Amino acid sequence: MGIVVVEVCDNNVLSALELEDLEELYPEIAVLRADCMNLCGLCKLRPYALVNNKRVFGKTTEECVEHIKAAIEEELAIFHEG
């Protein structure tokens, strides 16, 4: 498993994307899909994911993916500094 975990709810619009492609871009991550992450209010409002248990969201799926990439890079920077 990766040092950065990206979790996506199957009920969120973001789940329609091939987020596993991020694993090729960032070999240190793992993308996990969940049936439900118990964040239904957020799930209905906008695309979101959890990056190491931190909520990342955007107004569109494209914006959300960009925020996910930024969050991954922040988490990796912390890991590589330590």
N, C-alpha and C. Protein backbone atom coordinates (compact mmCIF):
# COMPACT_ATOMS: atom_id res chain seq x y z
N MET A 1 0.85 -1.18 0.00
CA MET A 1 0.00 0.00 0.00
C MET A 1 0.89 1.24 0.00
N GLY A 2 0.39 2.30 -0.57
CA GLY A 2 1.14 3.54 -0.67
C GLY A 2 1.24 4.28 0.64
N ILE A 3 2.13 5.27 0.68
CA ILE A 3 2.28 6.09 1.87
C ILE A 3 1.23 7.20 1.90
N VAL A 4 0.56 7.41 0.76
CA VAL A 4 -0.55 8.35 0.69
C VAL A 4 -1.75 7.57 0.17
N VAL A 5 -2.86 7.66 0.90
CA VAL A 5 -4.07 6.94 0.52
C VAL A 5 -5.12 7.94 0.07
N VAL A 6 -5.65 7.71 -1.13
CA VAL A 6 -6.73 8.52 -1.68
C VAL A 6 -7.98 7.65 -1.65
N GLU A 7 -8.99 8.06 -0.87
CA GLU A 7 -10.23 7.30 -0.75
C GLU A 7 -11.35 8.02 -1.49
N VAL A 8 -12.12 7.25 -2.24
CA VAL A 8 -13.21 7.81 -3.03
C VAL A 8 -14.48 7.01 -2.77
N CYS A 9 -15.57 7.70 -2.55
CA CYS A 9 -16.87 7.07 -2.34
C CYS A 9 -17.47 6.69 -3.69
N ASP A 10 -17.96 5.48 -3.82
CA ASP A 10 -18.58 5.03 -5.07
C ASP A 10 -19.82 5.83 -5.44
N ASN A 11 -20.42 6.52 -4.48
CA ASN A 11 -21.63 7.29 -4.74
C ASN A 11 -21.34 8.72 -5.19
N ASN A 12 -20.08 9.13 -5.12
CA ASN A 12 -19.71 10.49 -5.50
C ASN A 12 -19.42 10.55 -6.99
N VAL A 13 -19.71 11.69 -7.59
CA VAL A 13 -19.49 11.88 -9.03
C VAL A 13 -18.03 11.66 -9.41
N LEU A 14 -17.12 11.86 -8.50
CA LEU A 14 -15.70 11.67 -8.76
C LEU A 14 -15.37 10.21 -9.05
N SER A 15 -16.19 9.30 -8.57
CA SER A 15 -15.91 7.87 -8.76
C SER A 15 -16.01 7.44 -10.22
N ALA A 16 -16.62 8.26 -11.07
CA ALA A 16 -16.73 7.93 -12.49
C ALA A 16 -15.39 8.09 -13.22
N LEU A 17 -14.45 8.79 -12.60
CA LEU A 17 -13.14 9.01 -13.21
C LEU A 17 -12.21 7.83 -12.93
N GLU A 18 -11.21 7.66 -13.77
CA GLU A 18 -10.19 6.63 -13.58
C GLU A 18 -9.10 7.17 -12.66
N LEU A 19 -9.41 7.29 -11.39
CA LEU A 19 -8.45 7.86 -10.44
C LEU A 19 -7.24 6.95 -10.21
N GLU A 20 -7.37 5.69 -10.57
CA GLU A 20 -6.24 4.79 -10.44
C GLU A 20 -5.07 5.24 -11.33
N ASP A 21 -5.36 6.07 -12.34
CA ASP A 21 -4.29 6.64 -13.16
C ASP A 21 -3.33 7.47 -12.31
N LEU A 22 -3.81 7.99 -11.20
CA LEU A 22 -2.95 8.76 -10.31
C LEU A 22 -1.83 7.89 -9.73
N GLU A 23 -2.10 6.57 -9.60
CA GLU A 23 -1.09 5.66 -9.08
C GLU A 23 0.10 5.54 -10.03
N GLU A 24 -0.14 5.76 -11.33
CA GLU A 24 0.97 5.75 -12.29
C GLU A 24 1.77 7.05 -12.18
N LEU A 25 1.08 8.15 -11.95
CA LEU A 25 1.73 9.44 -11.81
C LEU A 25 2.49 9.54 -10.49
N TYR A 26 1.90 8.98 -9.44
CA TYR A 26 2.49 8.99 -8.09
C TYR A 26 2.57 7.54 -7.59
N PRO A 27 3.67 6.84 -7.81
CA PRO A 27 3.78 5.43 -7.40
C PRO A 27 3.65 5.22 -5.89
N GLU A 28 3.81 6.28 -5.12
CA GLU A 28 3.76 6.15 -3.65
C GLU A 28 2.34 6.17 -3.10
N ILE A 29 1.33 6.27 -3.96
CA ILE A 29 -0.04 6.38 -3.46
C ILE A 29 -0.83 5.12 -3.74
N ALA A 30 -1.95 5.01 -3.05
CA ALA A 30 -2.93 3.95 -3.30
C ALA A 30 -4.30 4.60 -3.37
N VAL A 31 -5.06 4.28 -4.41
CA VAL A 31 -6.43 4.76 -4.55
C VAL A 31 -7.35 3.65 -4.09
N LEU A 32 -8.20 3.96 -3.13
CA LEU A 32 -9.16 3.00 -2.60
C LEU A 32 -10.57 3.50 -2.86
N ARG A 33 -11.43 2.60 -3.27
CA ARG A 33 -12.84 2.95 -3.49
C ARG A 33 -13.67 2.31 -2.38
N ALA A 34 -14.59 3.08 -1.85
CA ALA A 34 -15.45 2.60 -0.76
C ALA A 34 -16.91 2.68 -1.19
N ASP A 35 -17.72 1.73 -0.72
CA ASP A 35 -19.15 1.77 -1.01
C ASP A 35 -19.77 3.04 -0.46
N CYS A 36 -19.38 3.40 0.75
CA CYS A 36 -19.91 4.60 1.39
C CYS A 36 -18.91 5.07 2.43
N MET A 37 -18.71 6.38 2.50
CA MET A 37 -17.77 6.93 3.47
C MET A 37 -18.50 7.77 4.53
N ASN A 38 -19.82 7.64 4.58
CA ASN A 38 -20.65 8.31 5.58
C ASN A 38 -20.49 9.83 5.59
N LEU A 39 -20.29 10.41 4.41
CA LEU A 39 -20.24 11.85 4.25
C LEU A 39 -21.28 12.26 3.20
N CYS A 40 -22.49 11.75 3.35
CA CYS A 40 -23.53 11.91 2.33
C CYS A 40 -23.83 13.37 2.01
N GLY A 41 -23.80 14.23 3.00
CA GLY A 41 -24.06 15.64 2.74
C GLY A 41 -23.05 16.21 1.76
N LEU A 42 -21.79 15.93 1.98
CA LEU A 42 -20.73 16.40 1.10
C LEU A 42 -20.79 15.68 -0.24
N CYS A 43 -21.11 14.41 -0.21
CA CYS A 43 -21.15 13.59 -1.42
C CYS A 43 -22.17 14.13 -2.42
N LYS A 44 -23.30 14.60 -1.93
CA LYS A 44 -24.35 15.13 -2.80
C LYS A 44 -24.02 16.52 -3.33
N LEU A 45 -23.19 17.28 -2.59
CA LEU A 45 -22.91 18.66 -2.95
C LEU A 45 -21.85 18.83 -4.03
N ARG A 46 -20.77 18.09 -3.93
CA ARG A 46 -19.64 18.32 -4.83
C ARG A 46 -18.71 17.11 -4.87
N PRO A 47 -17.83 17.08 -5.88
CA PRO A 47 -16.84 16.02 -5.95
C PRO A 47 -15.86 16.14 -4.78
N TYR A 48 -15.54 15.00 -4.16
CA TYR A 48 -14.58 15.02 -3.06
C TYR A 48 -13.89 13.68 -2.94
N ALA A 49 -12.79 13.70 -2.22
CA ALA A 49 -12.05 12.48 -1.86
C ALA A 49 -11.37 12.76 -0.53
N LEU A 50 -10.86 11.73 0.07
CA LEU A 50 -10.05 11.87 1.27
C LEU A 50 -8.61 11.54 0.89
N VAL A 51 -7.70 12.42 1.24
CA VAL A 51 -6.27 12.18 1.00
C VAL A 51 -5.64 12.10 2.39
N ASN A 52 -5.23 10.89 2.76
CA ASN A 52 -4.74 10.63 4.12
C ASN A 52 -5.71 11.19 5.16
N ASN A 53 -6.99 10.88 4.97
CA ASN A 53 -8.09 11.26 5.87
C ASN A 53 -8.39 12.75 5.91
N LYS A 54 -7.85 13.53 4.98
CA LYS A 54 -8.18 14.95 4.90
C LYS A 54 -9.12 15.15 3.71
N ARG A 55 -10.21 15.89 3.94
CA ARG A 55 -11.17 16.14 2.87
C ARG A 55 -10.59 17.07 1.81
N VAL A 56 -10.74 16.65 0.56
CA VAL A 56 -10.30 17.44 -0.58
C VAL A 56 -11.49 17.50 -1.53
N PHE A 57 -11.88 18.70 -1.94
CA PHE A 57 -13.04 18.81 -2.82
C PHE A 57 -12.86 19.96 -3.79
N GLY A 58 -13.75 20.03 -4.76
CA GLY A 58 -13.73 21.08 -5.76
C GLY A 58 -15.13 21.29 -6.30
N LYS A 59 -15.29 22.37 -7.04
CA LYS A 59 -16.60 22.66 -7.64
C LYS A 59 -16.88 21.73 -8.82
N THR A 60 -15.83 21.30 -9.52
CA THR A 60 -15.96 20.38 -10.64
C THR A 60 -15.03 19.18 -10.40
N THR A 61 -15.22 18.12 -11.19
CA THR A 61 -14.33 16.97 -11.04
C THR A 61 -12.90 17.34 -11.41
N GLU A 62 -12.74 18.18 -12.43
CA GLU A 62 -11.40 18.58 -12.84
C GLU A 62 -10.69 19.37 -11.74
N GLU A 63 -11.42 20.29 -11.12
CA GLU A 63 -10.85 21.08 -10.03
C GLU A 63 -10.52 20.18 -8.85
N CYS A 64 -11.38 19.23 -8.57
CA CYS A 64 -11.14 18.31 -7.45
C CYS A 64 -9.88 17.48 -7.69
N VAL A 65 -9.70 16.98 -8.91
CA VAL A 65 -8.50 16.20 -9.21
C VAL A 65 -7.25 17.05 -9.04
N GLU A 66 -7.30 18.30 -9.43
CA GLU A 66 -6.16 19.19 -9.24
C GLU A 66 -5.87 19.39 -7.75
N HIS A 67 -6.92 19.52 -6.94
CA HIS A 67 -6.74 19.65 -5.49
C HIS A 67 -6.20 18.36 -4.89
N ILE A 68 -6.64 17.23 -5.41
CA ILE A 68 -6.13 15.94 -4.94
C ILE A 68 -4.64 15.83 -5.23
N LYS A 69 -4.23 16.20 -6.45
CA LYS A 69 -2.81 16.16 -6.80
C LYS A 69 -1.99 17.06 -5.89
N ALA A 70 -2.51 18.25 -5.59
CA ALA A 70 -1.79 19.17 -4.70
C ALA A 70 -1.68 18.58 -3.30
N ALA A 71 -2.75 17.95 -2.82
CA ALA A 71 -2.72 17.34 -1.49
C ALA A 71 -1.75 16.17 -1.45
N ILE A 72 -1.70 15.38 -2.52
CA ILE A 72 -0.74 14.27 -2.60
C ILE A 72 0.68 14.82 -2.53
N GLU A 73 0.95 15.85 -3.28
CA GLU A 73 2.30 16.43 -3.30
C GLU A 73 2.68 16.99 -1.94
N GLU A 74 1.73 17.59 -1.23
CA GLU A 74 2.00 18.09 0.12
C GLU A 74 2.33 16.95 1.06
N GLU A 75 1.54 15.87 0.99
CA GLU A 75 1.79 14.71 1.86
C GLU A 75 3.14 14.07 1.54
N LEU A 76 3.47 13.96 0.27
CA LEU A 76 4.76 13.37 -0.11
C LEU A 76 5.92 14.25 0.34
N ALA A 77 5.76 15.56 0.26
CA ALA A 77 6.81 16.49 0.70
C ALA A 77 7.07 16.31 2.19
N ILE A 78 6.03 16.16 2.98
CA ILE A 78 6.18 15.94 4.42
C ILE A 78 6.94 14.63 4.67
N PHE A 79 6.56 13.59 3.93
CA PHE A 79 7.21 12.30 4.10
C PHE A 79 8.68 12.36 3.74
N HIS A 80 9.01 13.00 2.63
CA HIS A 80 10.40 13.06 2.17
C HIS A 80 11.26 14.00 3.02
N GLU A 81 10.64 14.97 3.69
CA GLU A 81 11.40 15.86 4.59
C GLU A 81 11.82 15.13 5.84
N GLY A 82 10.93 14.25 6.34
CA GLY A 82 11.15 13.58 7.62
C GLY A 82 12.18 12.55 7.52
